[in-house]
């Protein structure tokens, strides 16, 4: 009797094992790789495993598209074991028991990388400045104040975006910033130091001028020079100074600025002058006193000594001013 039960139990066990073996043969085979490589910032099932025996294409895409986790930094690696992979499958509504797992128990995932050189970043920054600066390209020279550092990023589509702080002056030393983007995500920021040299015509003295000395046409000349660090009032035409006076000492070969010269005053403040008032019917003169400096042809304020009233008159000479018709 005992022998009968033993044989019966053994036969049932064999049937169960056989049934399980047949059932296992029908399950998709999930094979984990030993080594894998990714180029992006995420690790998906399709990067680390292969699935055979799954007839439903949509279901296969869903499983292969499961995100396991973030990839390591470019040039580094991350290890993922089979238990962690099963946890991620369950989190995404996939039952690991529906698969037969074969292959490795862990996979080493290497993140591929590419080099963004400092020279490449500098070239992008230079093109940005040439595009937005207010100067003509022929008038500038752009150099690297300090070559940007090389950057290692994931081996995927990359863009370099250059930006400058508001109000930056595009001359002399400038500090810009480069954003390196991958899939619209900023993966690195790099400072870019540039030196922009701007060139233009400048007016230069040929000899020494004392304060108050008149400047003649043959005493100055125009040359092309770097003006990056010059004041904004640098003069560039000979006619800007001819006939004017030096307001202070001007040395030979000195670049001349607008605040270094002034018009030759024919009349100065508190000078006595004759005020000429003309109409169609008559001509009247009166004694006056100049209230402000003025060059020939300029309008200056003059006080009528007799009436004590101020009038505006045009400078004719060092002793005569004329009130235009309609202003008397």
C-alpha atoms as a PDB file:
ATOM      1  CA  UNK A   1       0.000   0.000   0.000  1.00  0.00           C
ATOM      2  CA  UNK A   2       2.780   2.408   0.904  1.00  0.00           C
ATOM      3  CA  UNK A   3       4.552   1.505  -2.276  1.00  0.00           C
ATOM      4  CA  UNK A   4       1.453   2.401  -4.254  1.00  0.00           C
ATOM      5  CA  UNK A   5       1.215   5.866  -2.691  1.00  0.00           C
ATOM      6  CA  UNK A   6       4.909   6.486  -3.261  1.00  0.00           C
ATOM      7  CA  UNK A   7       4.679   5.630  -6.948  1.00  0.00           C
ATOM      8  CA  UNK A   8       1.553   7.765  -7.319  1.00  0.00           C
ATOM      9  CA  UNK A   9       3.220  10.811  -5.671  1.00  0.00           C
ATOM     10  CA  UNK A  10       6.357  10.376  -7.744  1.00  0.00           C
ATOM     11  CA  UNK A  11       4.327  10.211 -10.925  1.00  0.00           C
ATOM     12  CA  UNK A  12       2.422  13.419  -9.968  1.00  0.00           C
ATOM     13  CA  UNK A  13       5.676  15.214  -9.213  1.00  0.00           C
ATOM     14  CA  UNK A  14       7.113  14.292 -12.561  1.00  0.00           C
ATOM     15  CA  UNK A  15       3.985  15.619 -14.244  1.00  0.00           C
ATOM     16  CA  UNK A  16       4.264  18.920 -12.392  1.00  0.00           C
ATOM     17  CA  UNK A  17       7.919  19.340 -13.288  1.00  0.00           C
ATOM     18  CA  UNK A  18       7.226  18.491 -16.893  1.00  0.00           C
ATOM     19  CA  UNK A  19       4.328  20.925 -17.015  1.00  0.00           C
ATOM     20  CA  UNK A  20       6.497  23.638 -15.495  1.00  0.00           C
ATOM     21  CA  UNK A  21       9.249  22.933 -17.992  1.00  0.00           C
ATOM     22  CA  UNK A  22       6.817  23.163 -20.893  1.00  0.00           C
ATOM     23  CA  UNK A  23       5.355  26.371 -19.439  1.00  0.00           C
ATOM     24  CA  UNK A  24       8.842  27.855 -19.070  1.00  0.00           C
ATOM     25  CA  UNK A  25       9.568  27.058 -22.668  1.00  0.00           C
ATOM     26  CA  UNK A  26       6.616  29.259 -23.649  1.00  0.00           C
ATOM     27  CA  UNK A  27       7.838  32.329 -21.658  1.00  0.00           C
ATOM     28  CA  UNK A  28       9.899  35.087 -23.338  1.00  0.00           C
ATOM     29  CA  UNK A  29      13.602  34.881 -22.564  1.00  0.00           C
ATOM     30  CA  UNK A  30      15.086  37.982 -20.918  1.00  0.00           C
ATOM     31  CA  UNK A  31      18.899  38.008 -21.359  1.00  0.00           C
ATOM     32  CA  UNK A  32      20.966  40.547 -19.394  1.00  0.00           C
ATOM     33  CA  UNK A  33      24.217  41.637 -21.037  1.00  0.00           C
ATOM     34  CA  UNK A  34      27.554  41.743 -19.262  1.00  0.00           C
ATOM     35  CA  UNK A  35      28.656  45.032 -20.841  1.00  0.00           C
ATOM     36  CA  UNK A  36      26.597  47.867 -22.326  1.00  0.00           C
ATOM     37  CA  UNK A  37      27.200  51.379 -23.545  1.00  0.00           C
ATOM     38  CA  UNK A  38      24.884  54.392 -23.608  1.00  0.00           C
ATOM     39  CA  UNK A  39      25.314  57.853 -25.077  1.00  0.00           C
ATOM     40  CA  UNK A  40      22.493  59.714 -23.378  1.00  0.00           C
ATOM     41  CA  UNK A  41      21.644  60.586 -19.784  1.00  0.00           C
ATOM     42  CA  UNK A  42      19.257  57.647 -19.202  1.00  0.00           C
ATOM     43  CA  UNK A  43      19.627  53.879 -19.147  1.00  0.00           C
ATOM     44  CA  UNK A  44      16.752  51.907 -20.716  1.00  0.00           C
ATOM     45  CA  UNK A  45      16.060  48.187 -20.729  1.00  0.00           C
ATOM     46  CA  UNK A  46      16.905  48.066 -24.438  1.00  0.00           C
ATOM     47  CA  UNK A  47      20.420  49.268 -23.591  1.00  0.00           C
ATOM     48  CA  UNK A  48      21.245  46.392 -21.225  1.00  0.00           C
ATOM     49  CA  UNK A  49      19.106  43.401 -22.248  1.00  0.00           C
ATOM     50  CA  UNK A  50      17.729  41.387 -25.145  1.00  0.00           C
ATOM     51  CA  UNK A  51      14.271  39.740 -25.188  1.00  0.00           C
ATOM     52  CA  UNK A  52      13.439  36.755 -27.366  1.00  0.00           C
ATOM     53  CA  UNK A  53      10.154  34.951 -27.810  1.00  0.00           C
ATOM     54  CA  UNK A  54       7.767  37.886 -27.356  1.00  0.00           C
ATOM     55  CA  UNK A  55       5.163  37.941 -30.115  1.00  0.00           C
ATOM     56  CA  UNK A  56       3.443  41.222 -29.179  1.00  0.00           C
ATOM     57  CA  UNK A  57       5.435  44.104 -30.763  1.00  0.00           C
ATOM     58  CA  UNK A  58       3.730  46.785 -28.650  1.00  0.00           C
ATOM     59  CA  UNK A  59       4.393  44.906 -25.442  1.00  0.00           C
ATOM     60  CA  UNK A  60       8.024  44.443 -26.497  1.00  0.00           C
ATOM     61  CA  UNK A  61       8.395  48.202 -27.083  1.00  0.00           C
ATOM     62  CA  UNK A  62       6.867  48.939 -23.679  1.00  0.00           C
ATOM     63  CA  UNK A  63       9.312  46.647 -21.885  1.00  0.00           C
ATOM     64  CA  UNK A  64      12.371  47.789 -23.820  1.00  0.00           C
ATOM     65  CA  UNK A  65      11.471  51.436 -23.192  1.00  0.00           C
ATOM     66  CA  UNK A  66      11.428  51.124 -19.386  1.00  0.00           C
ATOM     67  CA  UNK A  67      13.869  53.578 -17.782  1.00  0.00           C
ATOM     68  CA  UNK A  68      16.175  51.839 -15.316  1.00  0.00           C
ATOM     69  CA  UNK A  69      17.965  54.950 -14.068  1.00  0.00           C
ATOM     70  CA  UNK A  70      20.398  57.741 -14.871  1.00  0.00           C
ATOM     71  CA  UNK A  71      23.582  57.028 -16.770  1.00  0.00           C
ATOM     72  CA  UNK A  72      26.968  57.734 -15.222  1.00  0.00           C
ATOM     73  CA  UNK A  73      28.934  60.846 -16.091  1.00  0.00           C
ATOM     74  CA  UNK A  74      30.507  60.815 -19.580  1.00  0.00           C
ATOM     75  CA  UNK A  75      33.537  58.532 -19.601  1.00  0.00           C
ATOM     76  CA  UNK A  76      32.463  56.672 -16.437  1.00  0.00           C
ATOM     77  CA  UNK A  77      30.428  53.539 -15.733  1.00  0.00           C
ATOM     78  CA  UNK A  78      27.568  52.253 -13.604  1.00  0.00           C
ATOM     79  CA  UNK A  79      26.758  48.707 -12.511  1.00  0.00           C
ATOM     80  CA  UNK A  80      23.171  47.394 -12.513  1.00  0.00           C
ATOM     81  CA  UNK A  81      22.273  43.965 -11.073  1.00  0.00           C
ATOM     82  CA  UNK A  82      19.372  41.728 -12.041  1.00  0.00           C
ATOM     83  CA  UNK A  83      17.422  42.278  -8.788  1.00  0.00           C
ATOM     84  CA  UNK A  84      17.441  46.057  -9.316  1.00  0.00           C
ATOM     85  CA  UNK A  85      16.264  45.544 -12.897  1.00  0.00           C
ATOM     86  CA  UNK A  86      13.308  43.432 -11.688  1.00  0.00           C
ATOM     87  CA  UNK A  87      12.353  46.173  -9.206  1.00  0.00           C
ATOM     88  CA  UNK A  88      12.256  48.730 -12.022  1.00  0.00           C
ATOM     89  CA  UNK A  89      10.105  46.414 -14.132  1.00  0.00           C
ATOM     90  CA  UNK A  90       7.588  46.055 -11.279  1.00  0.00           C
ATOM     91  CA  UNK A  91       7.524  49.837 -10.754  1.00  0.00           C
ATOM     92  CA  UNK A  92       6.446  50.167 -14.377  1.00  0.00           C
ATOM     93  CA  UNK A  93       3.673  47.563 -14.101  1.00  0.00           C
ATOM     94  CA  UNK A  94       5.591  44.661 -15.659  1.00  0.00           C
ATOM     95  CA  UNK A  95       5.638  41.283 -13.890  1.00  0.00           C
ATOM     96  CA  UNK A  96       9.156  39.770 -13.939  1.00  0.00           C
ATOM     97  CA  UNK A  97       7.623  36.308 -13.353  1.00  0.00           C
ATOM     98  CA  UNK A  98       6.356  36.448 -16.932  1.00  0.00           C
ATOM     99  CA  UNK A  99       9.923  36.056 -18.222  1.00  0.00           C
ATOM    100  CA  UNK A 100      12.735  33.567 -18.059  1.00  0.00           C
ATOM    101  CA  UNK A 101      15.909  35.389 -17.066  1.00  0.00           C
ATOM    102  CA  UNK A 102      19.171  34.204 -18.508  1.00  0.00           C
ATOM    103  CA  UNK A 103      22.622  35.623 -19.027  1.00  0.00           C
ATOM    104  CA  UNK A 104      24.576  37.740 -16.601  1.00  0.00           C
ATOM    105  CA  UNK A 105      23.477  38.645 -13.068  1.00  0.00           C
ATOM    106  CA  UNK A 106      24.810  42.192 -13.473  1.00  0.00           C
ATOM    107  CA  UNK A 107      25.660  44.532 -16.296  1.00  0.00           C
ATOM    108  CA  UNK A 108      28.332  47.267 -16.418  1.00  0.00           C
ATOM    109  CA  UNK A 109      27.006  50.287 -18.322  1.00  0.00           C
ATOM    110  CA  UNK A 110      29.634  52.635 -19.787  1.00  0.00           C
ATOM    111  CA  UNK A 111      28.647  56.162 -20.782  1.00  0.00           C
ATOM    112  CA  UNK A 112      30.272  57.150 -24.058  1.00  0.00           C
ATOM    113  CA  UNK A 113      31.552  60.695 -24.381  1.00  0.00           C
ATOM    114  CA  UNK A 114      32.880  63.262 -26.788  1.00  0.00           C
ATOM    115  CA  UNK A 115      35.146  66.249 -26.326  1.00  0.00           C
ATOM    116  CA  UNK A 116      33.971  69.854 -26.773  1.00  0.00           C
ATOM    117  CA  UNK A 117      37.286  71.650 -27.126  1.00  0.00           C
ATOM    118  CA  UNK A 118      37.979  75.089 -25.726  1.00  0.00           C
ATOM    119  CA  UNK A 119      38.820  76.297 -29.226  1.00  0.00           C
ATOM    120  CA  UNK A 120      35.375  75.218 -30.435  1.00  0.00           C
ATOM    121  CA  UNK A 121      33.725  77.156 -27.588  1.00  0.00           C
ATOM    122  CA  UNK A 122      35.910  80.204 -28.346  1.00  0.00           C
ATOM    123  CA  UNK A 123      34.926  80.080 -32.030  1.00  0.00           C
ATOM    124  CA  UNK A 124      31.219  80.086 -31.082  1.00  0.00           C
ATOM    125  CA  UNK A 125      31.748  83.022 -28.710  1.00  0.00           C
ATOM    126  CA  UNK A 126      33.633  84.962 -31.393  1.00  0.00           C
ATOM    127  CA  UNK A 127      30.821  84.473 -33.907  1.00  0.00           C
ATOM    128  CA  UNK A 128      28.295  85.612 -31.305  1.00  0.00           C
ATOM    129  CA  UNK A 129      30.216  88.845 -30.657  1.00  0.00           C
ATOM    130  CA  UNK A 130      30.649  89.556 -34.380  1.00  0.00           C
ATOM    131  CA  UNK A 131      26.881  89.157 -34.797  1.00  0.00           C
ATOM    132  CA  UNK A 132      25.667  91.407 -31.960  1.00  0.00           C
ATOM    133  CA  UNK A 133      28.422  94.042 -31.585  1.00  0.00           C
ATOM    134  CA  UNK A 134      27.723  97.573 -32.924  1.00  0.00           C
ATOM    135  CA  UNK A 135      31.062  97.816 -34.761  1.00  0.00           C
ATOM    136  CA  UNK A 136      31.999  96.815 -38.303  1.00  0.00           C
ATOM    137  CA  UNK A 137      33.790  93.470 -38.471  1.00  0.00           C
ATOM    138  CA  UNK A 138      36.677  95.054 -40.388  1.00  0.00           C
ATOM    139  CA  UNK A 139      37.350  97.396 -37.443  1.00  0.00           C
ATOM    140  CA  UNK A 140      37.835  94.746 -34.746  1.00  0.00           C
ATOM    141  CA  UNK A 141      40.186  91.943 -33.759  1.00  0.00           C
ATOM    142  CA  UNK A 142      38.861  89.363 -31.261  1.00  0.00           C
ATOM    143  CA  UNK A 143      41.320  87.297 -29.254  1.00  0.00           C
ATOM    144  CA  UNK A 144      40.945  84.805 -26.418  1.00  0.00           C
ATOM    145  CA  UNK A 145      41.848  86.453 -23.144  1.00  0.00           C
ATOM    146  CA  UNK A 146      42.083  82.923 -21.746  1.00  0.00           C
ATOM    147  CA  UNK A 147      41.247  79.844 -23.791  1.00  0.00           C
ATOM    148  CA  UNK A 148      38.123  78.107 -22.373  1.00  0.00           C
ATOM    149  CA  UNK A 149      38.594  74.683 -20.808  1.00  0.00           C
ATOM    150  CA  UNK A 150      37.741  71.485 -22.680  1.00  0.00           C
ATOM    151  CA  UNK A 151      34.460  69.819 -21.694  1.00  0.00           C
ATOM    152  CA  UNK A 152      33.555  66.123 -21.816  1.00  0.00           C
ATOM    153  CA  UNK A 153      29.883  65.455 -22.570  1.00  0.00           C
ATOM    154  CA  UNK A 154      27.731  62.506 -23.533  1.00  0.00           C
ATOM    155  CA  UNK A 155      28.109  61.354 -27.120  1.00  0.00           C
ATOM    156  CA  UNK A 156      24.821  62.746 -28.377  1.00  0.00           C
ATOM    157  CA  UNK A 157      23.552  65.811 -30.230  1.00  0.00           C
ATOM    158  CA  UNK A 158      25.049  68.916 -28.633  1.00  0.00           C
ATOM    159  CA  UNK A 159      24.590  72.661 -29.037  1.00  0.00           C
ATOM    160  CA  UNK A 160      26.607  75.582 -27.667  1.00  0.00           C
ATOM    161  CA  UNK A 161      24.711  78.713 -26.608  1.00  0.00           C
ATOM    162  CA  UNK A 162      26.612  81.936 -25.902  1.00  0.00           C
ATOM    163  CA  UNK A 163      25.112  84.740 -23.842  1.00  0.00           C
ATOM    164  CA  UNK A 164      26.328  88.011 -22.325  1.00  0.00           C
ATOM    165  CA  UNK A 165      25.138  89.978 -19.350  1.00  0.00           C
ATOM    166  CA  UNK A 166      22.894  92.995 -20.131  1.00  0.00           C
ATOM    167  CA  UNK A 167      24.729  96.259 -20.768  1.00  0.00           C
ATOM    168  CA  UNK A 168      28.058  94.688 -21.676  1.00  0.00           C
ATOM    169  CA  UNK A 169      30.414  96.928 -23.664  1.00  0.00           C
ATOM    170  CA  UNK A 170      31.744  95.111 -26.685  1.00  0.00           C
ATOM    171  CA  UNK A 171      35.324  96.323 -26.428  1.00  0.00           C
ATOM    172  CA  UNK A 172      38.375  95.575 -24.343  1.00  0.00           C
ATOM    173  CA  UNK A 173      38.201  92.570 -21.990  1.00  0.00           C
ATOM    174  CA  UNK A 174      34.813  90.855 -21.908  1.00  0.00           C
ATOM    175  CA  UNK A 175      33.446  87.908 -19.950  1.00  0.00           C
ATOM    176  CA  UNK A 176      30.810  85.811 -21.703  1.00  0.00           C
ATOM    177  CA  UNK A 177      29.244  82.491 -20.750  1.00  0.00           C
ATOM    178  CA  UNK A 178      28.711  79.346 -22.794  1.00  0.00           C
ATOM    179  CA  UNK A 179      25.878  76.892 -22.098  1.00  0.00           C
ATOM    180  CA  UNK A 180      26.329  73.403 -23.535  1.00  0.00           C
ATOM    181  CA  UNK A 181      22.945  71.784 -24.115  1.00  0.00           C
ATOM    182  CA  UNK A 182      21.926  68.211 -24.878  1.00  0.00           C
ATOM    183  CA  UNK A 183      18.249  67.447 -25.457  1.00  0.00           C
ATOM    184  CA  UNK A 184      17.403  70.978 -24.259  1.00  0.00           C
ATOM    185  CA  UNK A 185      19.148  70.261 -20.935  1.00  0.00           C
ATOM    186  CA  UNK A 186      22.131  72.369 -19.861  1.00  0.00           C
ATOM    187  CA  UNK A 187      24.872  69.865 -19.069  1.00  0.00           C
ATOM    188  CA  UNK A 188      27.783  72.304 -18.651  1.00  0.00           C
ATOM    189  CA  UNK A 189      28.507  76.016 -18.248  1.00  0.00           C
ATOM    190  CA  UNK A 190      31.844  77.487 -19.302  1.00  0.00           C
ATOM    191  CA  UNK A 191      33.096  81.077 -18.812  1.00  0.00           C
ATOM    192  CA  UNK A 192      34.634  82.617 -21.937  1.00  0.00           C
ATOM    193  CA  UNK A 193      37.066  85.527 -21.611  1.00  0.00           C
ATOM    194  CA  UNK A 194      37.584  87.566 -24.790  1.00  0.00           C
ATOM    195  CA  UNK A 195      39.646  90.607 -25.664  1.00  0.00           C
ATOM    196  CA  UNK A 196      38.125  92.811 -28.371  1.00  0.00           C
ATOM    197  CA  UNK A 197      40.474  95.333 -29.946  1.00  0.00           C
ATOM    198  CA  UNK A 198      38.700  98.073 -31.867  1.00  0.00           C
ATOM    199  CA  UNK A 199      40.502 100.140 -34.487  1.00  0.00           C
ATOM    200  CA  UNK A 200      39.578 103.475 -36.067  1.00  0.00           C
ATOM    201  CA  UNK A 201      40.834 106.845 -37.324  1.00  0.00           C
ATOM    202  CA  UNK A 202      42.240 109.167 -34.664  1.00  0.00           C
ATOM    203  CA  UNK A 203      43.556 112.729 -34.846  1.00  0.00           C
ATOM    204  CA  UNK A 204      47.167 113.118 -33.685  1.00  0.00           C
ATOM    205  CA  UNK A 205      49.267 116.215 -33.015  1.00  0.00           C
ATOM    206  CA  UNK A 206      52.523 116.615 -34.921  1.00  0.00           C
ATOM    207  CA  UNK A 207      54.073 119.033 -32.448  1.00  0.00           C
ATOM    208  CA  UNK A 208      53.658 120.523 -29.003  1.00  0.00           C
ATOM    209  CA  UNK A 209      50.778 122.961 -28.379  1.00  0.00           C
ATOM    210  CA  UNK A 210      50.732 125.288 -25.417  1.00  0.00           C
ATOM    211  CA  UNK A 211      47.510 126.189 -23.668  1.00  0.00           C
ATOM    212  CA  UNK A 212      45.601 128.788 -25.720  1.00  0.00           C
ATOM    213  CA  UNK A 213      47.623 128.197 -28.893  1.00  0.00           C
ATOM    214  CA  UNK A 214      45.718 128.047 -32.175  1.00  0.00           C
ATOM    215  CA  UNK A 215      45.855 124.763 -34.081  1.00  0.00           C
ATOM    216  CA  UNK A 216      46.731 124.921 -37.788  1.00  0.00           C
ATOM    217  CA  UNK A 217      45.797 122.305 -40.392  1.00  0.00           C
ATOM    218  CA  UNK A 218      49.380 121.197 -41.046  1.00  0.00           C
ATOM    219  CA  UNK A 219      50.033 120.638 -37.316  1.00  0.00           C
ATOM    220  CA  UNK A 220      47.801 117.559 -37.005  1.00  0.00           C
ATOM    221  CA  UNK A 221      47.223 114.350 -38.991  1.00  0.00           C
ATOM    222  CA  UNK A 222      44.918 111.313 -39.049  1.00  0.00           C
ATOM    223  CA  UNK A 223      46.130 107.762 -38.467  1.00  0.00           C
ATOM    224  CA  UNK A 224      44.507 104.382 -37.791  1.00  0.00           C
ATOM    225  CA  UNK A 225      45.010 103.171 -34.235  1.00  0.00           C
ATOM    226  CA  UNK A 226      43.489 100.958 -31.554  1.00  0.00           C
ATOM    227  CA  UNK A 227      40.714 102.835 -29.788  1.00  0.00           C
ATOM    228  CA  UNK A 228      39.407 100.109 -27.457  1.00  0.00           C
ATOM    229  CA  UNK A 229      40.634 101.900 -24.357  1.00  0.00           C
ATOM    230  CA  UNK A 230      40.335 105.444 -25.663  1.00  0.00           C
ATOM    231  CA  UNK A 231      37.672 107.856 -24.534  1.00  0.00           C
ATOM    232  CA  UNK A 232      34.513 108.097 -26.573  1.00  0.00           C
ATOM    233  CA  UNK A 233      35.267 111.739 -27.509  1.00  0.00           C
ATOM    234  CA  UNK A 234      38.381 110.969 -29.560  1.00  0.00           C
ATOM    235  CA  UNK A 235      38.454 113.202 -32.655  1.00  0.00           C
ATOM    236  CA  UNK A 236      39.008 111.722 -36.122  1.00  0.00           C
ATOM    237  CA  UNK A 237      38.849 114.671 -38.565  1.00  0.00           C
ATOM    238  CA  UNK A 238      41.269 117.528 -39.142  1.00  0.00           C
ATOM    239  CA  UNK A 239      38.419 120.031 -39.534  1.00  0.00           C
ATOM    240  CA  UNK A 240      37.347 119.257 -35.969  1.00  0.00           C
ATOM    241  CA  UNK A 241      40.334 121.205 -34.584  1.00  0.00           C
ATOM    242  CA  UNK A 242      41.541 123.639 -37.238  1.00  0.00           C
ATOM    243  CA  UNK A 243      41.179 127.231 -35.981  1.00  0.00           C
ATOM    244  CA  UNK A 244      40.508 126.132 -32.418  1.00  0.00           C
ATOM    245  CA  UNK A 245      42.603 126.699 -29.314  1.00  0.00           C
ATOM    246  CA  UNK A 246      44.308 124.135 -27.129  1.00  0.00           C
ATOM    247  CA  UNK A 247      42.594 124.077 -23.730  1.00  0.00           C
ATOM    248  CA  UNK A 248      45.695 122.567 -22.153  1.00  0.00           C
ATOM    249  CA  UNK A 249      49.130 121.318 -23.078  1.00  0.00           C
ATOM    250  CA  UNK A 250      49.104 118.898 -26.029  1.00  0.00           C
ATOM    251  CA  UNK A 251      52.254 116.865 -26.568  1.00  0.00           C
ATOM    252  CA  UNK A 252      53.672 115.624 -29.898  1.00  0.00           C
ATOM    253  CA  UNK A 253      52.059 112.367 -31.177  1.00  0.00           C
ATOM    254  CA  UNK A 254      49.246 112.680 -28.640  1.00  0.00           C
ATOM    255  CA  UNK A 255      45.750 111.563 -29.634  1.00  0.00           C
ATOM    256  CA  UNK A 256      43.449 114.585 -29.493  1.00  0.00           C
ATOM    257  CA  UNK A 257      40.069 114.399 -27.741  1.00  0.00           C
ATOM    258  CA  UNK A 258      37.196 116.876 -27.946  1.00  0.00           C
ATOM    259  CA  UNK A 259      37.776 118.144 -24.411  1.00  0.00           C
ATOM    260  CA  UNK A 260      41.359 119.121 -25.275  1.00  0.00           C
ATOM    261  CA  UNK A 261      40.385 121.930 -27.666  1.00  0.00           C
ATOM    262  CA  UNK A 262      37.926 124.796 -27.679  1.00  0.00           C
ATOM    263  CA  UNK A 263      36.736 127.443 -30.057  1.00  0.00           C
ATOM    264  CA  UNK A 264      38.698 130.660 -30.298  1.00  0.00           C
ATOM    265  CA  UNK A 265      36.693 133.137 -28.226  1.00  0.00           C
ATOM    266  CA  UNK A 266      36.296 136.536 -29.858  1.00  0.00           C
ATOM    267  CA  UNK A 267      34.486 137.808 -26.800  1.00  0.00           C
ATOM    268  CA  UNK A 268      34.726 136.697 -23.203  1.00  0.00           C
ATOM    269  CA  UNK A 269      32.597 137.171 -20.153  1.00  0.00           C
ATOM    270  CA  UNK A 270      32.521 140.790 -18.835  1.00  0.00           C
ATOM    271  CA  UNK A 271      34.059 142.138 -22.074  1.00  0.00           C
ATOM    272  CA  UNK A 272      32.674 145.555 -23.091  1.00  0.00           C
ATOM    273  CA  UNK A 273      31.108 145.499 -26.562  1.00  0.00           C
ATOM    274  CA  UNK A 274      28.910 147.605 -28.795  1.00  0.00           C
ATOM    275  CA  UNK A 275      25.401 146.289 -29.317  1.00  0.00           C
ATOM    276  CA  UNK A 276      24.112 146.903 -32.848  1.00  0.00           C
ATOM    277  CA  UNK A 277      20.334 146.854 -33.305  1.00  0.00           C
ATOM    278  CA  UNK A 278      19.135 147.033 -36.906  1.00  0.00           C
ATOM    279  CA  UNK A 279      15.649 147.375 -38.313  1.00  0.00           C
ATOM    280  CA  UNK A 280      14.403 148.275 -41.783  1.00  0.00           C
ATOM    281  CA  UNK A 281      13.885 151.854 -40.686  1.00  0.00           C
ATOM    282  CA  UNK A 282      16.901 152.570 -38.497  1.00  0.00           C
ATOM    283  CA  UNK A 283      20.155 151.400 -36.955  1.00  0.00           C
ATOM    284  CA  UNK A 284      20.831 151.874 -33.221  1.00  0.00           C
ATOM    285  CA  UNK A 285      23.918 151.154 -31.145  1.00  0.00           C
ATOM    286  CA  UNK A 286      24.292 150.807 -27.386  1.00  0.00           C
ATOM    287  CA  UNK A 287      26.962 149.920 -24.890  1.00  0.00           C
ATOM    288  CA  UNK A 288      26.827 146.422 -23.508  1.00  0.00           C
ATOM    289  CA  UNK A 289      28.684 143.826 -21.437  1.00  0.00           C
ATOM    290  CA  UNK A 290      29.141 140.210 -22.549  1.00  0.00           C
ATOM    291  CA  UNK A 291      27.717 137.655 -20.070  1.00  0.00           C
ATOM    292  CA  UNK A 292      29.346 134.538 -21.575  1.00  0.00           C
ATOM    293  CA  UNK A 293      32.206 133.529 -23.847  1.00  0.00           C
ATOM    294  CA  UNK A 294      31.492 133.346 -27.570  1.00  0.00           C
ATOM    295  CA  UNK A 295      33.181 132.608 -30.890  1.00  0.00           C
ATOM    296  CA  UNK A 296      32.545 134.394 -34.169  1.00  0.00           C
ATOM    297  CA  UNK A 297      29.014 133.799 -35.424  1.00  0.00           C
ATOM    298  CA  UNK A 298      27.719 132.393 -32.121  1.00  0.00           C
ATOM    299  CA  UNK A 299      24.789 133.811 -30.175  1.00  0.00           C
ATOM    300  CA  UNK A 300      25.750 135.100 -26.718  1.00  0.00           C
ATOM    301  CA  UNK A 301      23.883 136.786 -23.903  1.00  0.00           C
ATOM    302  CA  UNK A 302      24.710 140.509 -23.585  1.00  0.00           C
ATOM    303  CA  UNK A 303      23.537 143.003 -20.920  1.00  0.00           C
ATOM    304  CA  UNK A 304      22.477 146.461 -22.155  1.00  0.00           C
ATOM    305  CA  UNK A 305      24.249 148.827 -19.761  1.00  0.00           C
ATOM    306  CA  UNK A 306      21.654 151.592 -20.248  1.00  0.00           C
ATOM    307  CA  UNK A 307      18.409 149.545 -19.970  1.00  0.00           C
ATOM    308  CA  UNK A 308      19.904 146.815 -17.720  1.00  0.00           C
ATOM    309  CA  UNK A 309      18.155 144.214 -19.886  1.00  0.00           C
ATOM    310  CA  UNK A 310      19.704 141.050 -21.318  1.00  0.00           C
ATOM    311  CA  UNK A 311      19.526 140.376 -25.044  1.00  0.00           C
ATOM    312  CA  UNK A 312      20.935 137.662 -27.280  1.00  0.00           C
ATOM    313  CA  UNK A 313      23.237 138.896 -30.007  1.00  0.00           C
ATOM    314  CA  UNK A 314      25.491 137.407 -32.668  1.00  0.00           C
ATOM    315  CA  UNK A 315      29.260 137.873 -32.294  1.00  0.00           C
ATOM    316  CA  UNK A 316      30.593 139.917 -35.217  1.00  0.00           C
ATOM    317  CA  UNK A 317      34.016 140.856 -33.875  1.00  0.00           C
ATOM    318  CA  UNK A 318      35.826 141.210 -30.564  1.00  0.00           C
ATOM    319  CA  UNK A 319      34.049 144.527 -29.951  1.00  0.00           C
ATOM    320  CA  UNK A 320      30.761 144.258 -31.839  1.00  0.00           C
ATOM    321  CA  UNK A 321      27.658 142.103 -31.440  1.00  0.00           C
ATOM    322  CA  UNK A 322      24.471 142.353 -33.479  1.00  0.00           C
ATOM    323  CA  UNK A 323      20.905 141.734 -32.416  1.00  0.00           C
ATOM    324  CA  UNK A 324      19.032 139.971 -35.260  1.00  0.00           C
ATOM    325  CA  UNK A 325      15.826 141.546 -36.527  1.00  0.00           C
ATOM    326  CA  UNK A 326      12.839 140.625 -34.397  1.00  0.00           C
ATOM    327  CA  UNK A 327      14.897 140.161 -31.193  1.00  0.00           C
ATOM    328  CA  UNK A 328      15.412 143.788 -30.250  1.00  0.00           C
END
